[in-house]
Structure formats: structure tokens, C-alpha cells
Amino acid sequence: MEIVIILLSVYLLSQIFLIIQNKKIMATQEEITQALTDLTAVVVKVGEETKATLQKVADLETALASQADVSPALQSAFDALKEQVGIVDALVPDAPSA
């Protein structure tokens, strides 16, 4: 799901660049403003979903740690998920501490 949102964000961003450069799409300032507003909403959604996913992974890690005997298949599946979530999380820098 997050990959779809990221791809949508990239697509919207590319459309904004086309609008700004007037290569394919002629646009008014209002249209550019709307495109930027739409992209901002997508980016906020990506951030919220990424934060929720990171929490789910942390919760799964806690649940896994409480298991007496974790099968290699379960551990491998969790490790693969954690690695992929880490890759996606690394795409966006953390917000500076206040």
C-alpha cells in the first residue's frame, strides 16, 4: 500500500514539474496551487501510514520476543518484513527533534 502511495506521490510531483515548466501542460497559478495541495495531502498520508507501520513492526517484534520457541520460518518472515520496512523508512529523513 505504501509503495502505491509513494508512486502516486512521484507521479503527482512529475506532473507539477510539467506544469511549472509548461512542457506539456499549461496551467494557472490556481491549478499549480491545487496540485501542490494535493501532493501535500499525499505526503502527510504517507507519513502517517509509515509511522503506523513502524509501530506495528515494533509490536510484532515484542510479540515475537515473548514466544518460547520461534520457528526459523517465522523469524525469517519477520526479519524480511523488518528489513523492507527499514528500507522504506530510510527513504524519508526523520523530522528534527523539537
N, C-alpha and C. Protein backbone atom coordinates (compact mmCIF):
# COMPACT_ATOMS: atom_id res chain seq x y z
N MET A 1 0.82 -1.19 0.00
CA MET A 1 0.00 0.00 0.00
C MET A 1 0.87 1.26 0.00
N GLU A 2 1.91 1.27 0.83
CA GLU A 2 2.76 2.44 0.90
C GLU A 2 3.51 2.67 -0.40
N ILE A 3 3.87 1.59 -1.07
CA ILE A 3 4.55 1.72 -2.35
C ILE A 3 3.64 2.42 -3.35
N VAL A 4 2.36 2.08 -3.33
CA VAL A 4 1.39 2.72 -4.24
C VAL A 4 1.32 4.21 -3.94
N ILE A 5 1.31 4.56 -2.68
CA ILE A 5 1.24 5.97 -2.30
C ILE A 5 2.51 6.69 -2.73
N ILE A 6 3.65 6.05 -2.55
CA ILE A 6 4.91 6.66 -2.97
C ILE A 6 4.91 6.88 -4.48
N LEU A 7 4.46 5.87 -5.22
CA LEU A 7 4.41 6.01 -6.68
C LEU A 7 3.45 7.12 -7.09
N LEU A 8 2.32 7.22 -6.40
CA LEU A 8 1.37 8.30 -6.67
C LEU A 8 2.00 9.65 -6.39
N SER A 9 2.75 9.74 -5.31
CA SER A 9 3.44 10.99 -4.97
C SER A 9 4.43 11.38 -6.06
N VAL A 10 5.20 10.39 -6.53
CA VAL A 10 6.17 10.66 -7.59
C VAL A 10 5.45 11.13 -8.85
N TYR A 11 4.33 10.48 -9.17
CA TYR A 11 3.57 10.87 -10.35
C TYR A 11 3.06 12.31 -10.21
N LEU A 12 2.47 12.63 -9.06
CA LEU A 12 1.96 13.99 -8.85
C LEU A 12 3.09 15.01 -8.92
N LEU A 13 4.23 14.68 -8.35
CA LEU A 13 5.37 15.58 -8.40
C LEU A 13 5.83 15.80 -9.84
N SER A 14 5.85 14.73 -10.63
CA SER A 14 6.26 14.88 -12.03
C SER A 14 5.27 15.76 -12.78
N GLN A 15 4.00 15.63 -12.46
CA GLN A 15 3.00 16.48 -13.11
C GLN A 15 3.19 17.94 -12.73
N ILE A 16 3.56 18.19 -11.48
CA ILE A 16 3.81 19.57 -11.05
C ILE A 16 4.98 20.15 -11.83
N PHE A 17 6.04 19.36 -11.99
CA PHE A 17 7.19 19.84 -12.75
C PHE A 17 6.80 20.15 -14.20
N LEU A 18 5.95 19.31 -14.78
CA LEU A 18 5.49 19.57 -16.14
C LEU A 18 4.68 20.86 -16.20
N ILE A 19 3.86 21.06 -15.19
CA ILE A 19 3.05 22.28 -15.15
C ILE A 19 3.97 23.50 -15.05
N ILE A 20 4.92 23.43 -14.14
CA ILE A 20 5.81 24.57 -13.92
C ILE A 20 6.65 24.86 -15.17
N GLN A 21 7.13 23.83 -15.82
CA GLN A 21 7.97 24.01 -16.99
C GLN A 21 7.17 24.27 -18.27
N ASN A 22 5.87 24.16 -18.20
CA ASN A 22 4.99 24.38 -19.35
C ASN A 22 5.38 23.53 -20.56
N LYS A 23 5.91 22.33 -20.32
CA LYS A 23 6.31 21.47 -21.43
C LYS A 23 5.11 20.81 -22.08
N LYS A 24 4.21 20.28 -21.27
CA LYS A 24 3.07 19.56 -21.83
C LYS A 24 1.75 20.15 -21.36
N ILE A 25 1.76 20.73 -20.18
CA ILE A 25 0.51 21.14 -19.56
C ILE A 25 0.56 22.64 -19.27
N MET A 26 -0.37 23.35 -19.80
CA MET A 26 -0.49 24.77 -19.47
C MET A 26 -1.37 24.87 -18.23
N ALA A 27 -0.92 25.67 -17.26
CA ALA A 27 -1.67 25.72 -16.01
C ALA A 27 -1.69 27.13 -15.45
N THR A 28 -2.73 27.39 -14.70
CA THR A 28 -2.82 28.66 -13.99
C THR A 28 -2.17 28.49 -12.62
N GLN A 29 -1.96 29.58 -11.94
CA GLN A 29 -1.42 29.51 -10.59
C GLN A 29 -2.37 28.74 -9.67
N GLU A 30 -3.66 28.86 -9.91
CA GLU A 30 -4.64 28.14 -9.09
C GLU A 30 -4.48 26.63 -9.28
N GLU A 31 -4.25 26.20 -10.52
CA GLU A 31 -4.06 24.77 -10.79
C GLU A 31 -2.78 24.25 -10.15
N ILE A 32 -1.72 25.06 -10.21
CA ILE A 32 -0.47 24.67 -9.56
C ILE A 32 -0.67 24.61 -8.05
N THR A 33 -1.37 25.57 -7.49
CA THR A 33 -1.66 25.57 -6.06
C THR A 33 -2.43 24.32 -5.66
N GLN A 34 -3.43 23.94 -6.47
CA GLN A 34 -4.21 22.74 -6.17
C GLN A 34 -3.35 21.49 -6.26
N ALA A 35 -2.48 21.42 -7.26
CA ALA A 35 -1.60 20.26 -7.41
C ALA A 35 -0.66 20.15 -6.21
N LEU A 36 -0.13 21.27 -5.75
CA LEU A 36 0.74 21.26 -4.57
C LEU A 36 -0.03 20.86 -3.32
N THR A 37 -1.25 21.34 -3.19
CA THR A 37 -2.09 20.97 -2.04
C THR A 37 -2.39 19.48 -2.06
N ASP A 38 -2.70 18.94 -3.22
CA ASP A 38 -2.98 17.50 -3.35
C ASP A 38 -1.74 16.68 -2.98
N LEU A 39 -0.59 17.10 -3.47
CA LEU A 39 0.64 16.38 -3.17
C LEU A 39 0.97 16.44 -1.68
N THR A 40 0.74 17.58 -1.06
CA THR A 40 0.97 17.71 0.38
C THR A 40 0.10 16.73 1.15
N ALA A 41 -1.15 16.59 0.76
CA ALA A 41 -2.05 15.65 1.42
C ALA A 41 -1.54 14.22 1.28
N VAL A 42 -1.03 13.87 0.11
CA VAL A 42 -0.49 12.52 -0.10
C VAL A 42 0.74 12.30 0.78
N VAL A 43 1.61 13.29 0.86
CA VAL A 43 2.82 13.17 1.67
C VAL A 43 2.47 13.02 3.15
N VAL A 44 1.49 13.77 3.62
CA VAL A 44 1.04 13.63 5.01
C VAL A 44 0.52 12.22 5.25
N LYS A 45 -0.26 11.70 4.32
CA LYS A 45 -0.80 10.35 4.44
C LYS A 45 0.32 9.31 4.47
N VAL A 46 1.32 9.47 3.61
CA VAL A 46 2.46 8.55 3.61
C VAL A 46 3.15 8.57 4.97
N GLY A 47 3.35 9.75 5.52
CA GLY A 47 3.99 9.87 6.82
C GLY A 47 3.20 9.18 7.92
N GLU A 48 1.89 9.38 7.92
CA GLU A 48 1.03 8.76 8.93
C GLU A 48 1.04 7.24 8.80
N GLU A 49 0.96 6.75 7.57
CA GLU A 49 0.94 5.31 7.35
C GLU A 49 2.29 4.67 7.67
N THR A 50 3.36 5.38 7.38
CA THR A 50 4.69 4.87 7.71
C THR A 50 4.87 4.78 9.22
N LYS A 51 4.43 5.81 9.92
CA LYS A 51 4.51 5.81 11.39
C LYS A 51 3.71 4.64 11.96
N ALA A 52 2.51 4.41 11.45
CA ALA A 52 1.68 3.30 11.91
C ALA A 52 2.33 1.96 11.60
N THR A 53 2.95 1.84 10.44
CA THR A 53 3.61 0.58 10.07
C THR A 53 4.80 0.31 10.98
N LEU A 54 5.58 1.34 11.27
CA LEU A 54 6.72 1.17 12.18
C LEU A 54 6.25 0.69 13.55
N GLN A 55 5.12 1.23 14.01
CA GLN A 55 4.59 0.80 15.31
C GLN A 55 4.13 -0.65 15.26
N LYS A 56 3.49 -1.05 14.15
CA LYS A 56 3.07 -2.44 14.01
C LYS A 56 4.26 -3.39 14.02
N VAL A 57 5.34 -3.00 13.37
CA VAL A 57 6.54 -3.83 13.36
C VAL A 57 7.11 -3.94 14.77
N ALA A 58 7.13 -2.83 15.50
CA ALA A 58 7.62 -2.86 16.89
C ALA A 58 6.74 -3.77 17.75
N ASP A 59 5.42 -3.69 17.54
CA ASP A 59 4.50 -4.55 18.29
C ASP A 59 4.73 -6.03 17.95
N LEU A 60 4.93 -6.31 16.67
CA LEU A 60 5.21 -7.69 16.25
C LEU A 60 6.52 -8.19 16.85
N GLU A 61 7.51 -7.32 16.90
CA GLU A 61 8.80 -7.71 17.47
C GLU A 61 8.65 -8.06 18.95
N THR A 62 7.84 -7.28 19.66
CA THR A 62 7.58 -7.56 21.07
C THR A 62 6.86 -8.89 21.22
N ALA A 63 5.86 -9.13 20.38
CA ALA A 63 5.11 -10.39 20.43
C ALA A 63 6.03 -11.57 20.10
N LEU A 64 6.90 -11.38 19.14
CA LEU A 64 7.83 -12.44 18.75
C LEU A 64 8.80 -12.75 19.89
N ALA A 65 9.25 -11.72 20.58
CA ALA A 65 10.19 -11.90 21.68
C ALA A 65 9.56 -12.67 22.84
N SER A 66 8.23 -12.61 22.94
CA SER A 66 7.55 -13.31 24.04
C SER A 66 7.29 -14.79 23.73
N GLN A 67 7.57 -15.21 22.50
CA GLN A 67 7.37 -16.61 22.11
C GLN A 67 8.50 -17.47 22.67
N ALA A 68 8.15 -18.64 23.17
CA ALA A 68 9.15 -19.54 23.77
C ALA A 68 10.08 -20.13 22.71
N ASP A 69 9.53 -20.56 21.61
CA ASP A 69 10.35 -21.21 20.59
C ASP A 69 9.89 -20.71 19.22
N VAL A 70 10.63 -19.77 18.64
CA VAL A 70 10.27 -19.18 17.36
C VAL A 70 10.84 -20.05 16.24
N SER A 71 9.97 -20.45 15.33
CA SER A 71 10.42 -21.28 14.21
C SER A 71 11.30 -20.46 13.28
N PRO A 72 12.19 -21.11 12.58
CA PRO A 72 13.03 -20.39 11.60
C PRO A 72 12.19 -19.68 10.53
N ALA A 73 11.08 -20.30 10.12
CA ALA A 73 10.23 -19.68 9.10
C ALA A 73 9.61 -18.38 9.61
N LEU A 74 9.14 -18.39 10.86
CA LEU A 74 8.55 -17.19 11.45
C LEU A 74 9.61 -16.11 11.61
N GLN A 75 10.77 -16.47 12.10
CA GLN A 75 11.84 -15.50 12.29
C GLN A 75 12.28 -14.90 10.95
N SER A 76 12.38 -15.75 9.95
CA SER A 76 12.77 -15.29 8.62
C SER A 76 11.73 -14.34 8.03
N ALA A 77 10.46 -14.66 8.19
CA ALA A 77 9.39 -13.79 7.68
C ALA A 77 9.42 -12.44 8.37
N PHE A 78 9.63 -12.46 9.69
CA PHE A 78 9.69 -11.20 10.43
C PHE A 78 10.91 -10.39 10.01
N ASP A 79 12.05 -11.04 9.89
CA ASP A 79 13.28 -10.34 9.50
C ASP A 79 13.14 -9.69 8.13
N ALA A 80 12.50 -10.39 7.20
CA ALA A 80 12.28 -9.83 5.85
C ALA A 80 11.38 -8.60 5.92
N LEU A 81 10.32 -8.69 6.71
CA LEU A 81 9.42 -7.55 6.87
C LEU A 81 10.15 -6.37 7.49
N LYS A 82 10.89 -6.62 8.56
CA LYS A 82 11.60 -5.55 9.24
C LYS A 82 12.61 -4.88 8.31
N GLU A 83 13.31 -5.69 7.52
CA GLU A 83 14.28 -5.13 6.58
C GLU A 83 13.59 -4.24 5.55
N GLN A 84 12.48 -4.70 4.99
CA GLN A 84 11.78 -3.92 3.98
C GLN A 84 11.21 -2.64 4.55
N VAL A 85 10.65 -2.71 5.75
CA VAL A 85 10.12 -1.50 6.40
C VAL A 85 11.25 -0.52 6.67
N GLY A 86 12.41 -1.02 7.04
CA GLY A 86 13.57 -0.15 7.26
C GLY A 86 13.99 0.55 5.99
N ILE A 87 13.95 -0.16 4.87
CA ILE A 87 14.30 0.44 3.58
C ILE A 87 13.32 1.57 3.23
N VAL A 88 12.04 1.31 3.41
CA VAL A 88 11.03 2.33 3.11
C VAL A 88 11.18 3.51 4.06
N ASP A 89 11.39 3.25 5.34
CA ASP A 89 11.54 4.32 6.32
C ASP A 89 12.76 5.18 6.01
N ALA A 90 13.82 4.57 5.52
CA ALA A 90 15.05 5.32 5.22
C ALA A 90 14.87 6.27 4.03
N LEU A 91 13.84 6.08 3.24
CA LEU A 91 13.59 6.96 2.11
C LEU A 91 13.23 8.36 2.55
N VAL A 92 12.68 8.48 3.75
CA VAL A 92 12.24 9.77 4.25
C VAL A 92 13.02 10.10 5.52
N PRO A 93 13.76 11.21 5.53
CA PRO A 93 14.53 11.55 6.73
C PRO A 93 13.60 11.81 7.91
N ASP A 94 14.10 11.48 9.11
CA ASP A 94 13.32 11.72 10.32
C ASP A 94 13.18 13.23 10.54
N ALA A 95 12.06 13.60 11.15
CA ALA A 95 11.84 15.01 11.48
C ALA A 95 12.81 15.41 12.58
N PRO A 96 13.34 16.64 12.52
CA PRO A 96 14.26 17.07 13.58
C PRO A 96 13.54 17.14 14.93
N SER A 97 14.28 16.83 15.98
CA SER A 97 13.72 16.91 17.32
C SER A 97 13.46 18.35 17.70
N ALA A 98 12.35 18.56 18.38
CA ALA A 98 12.00 19.94 18.77
C ALA A 98 12.66 20.33 20.05
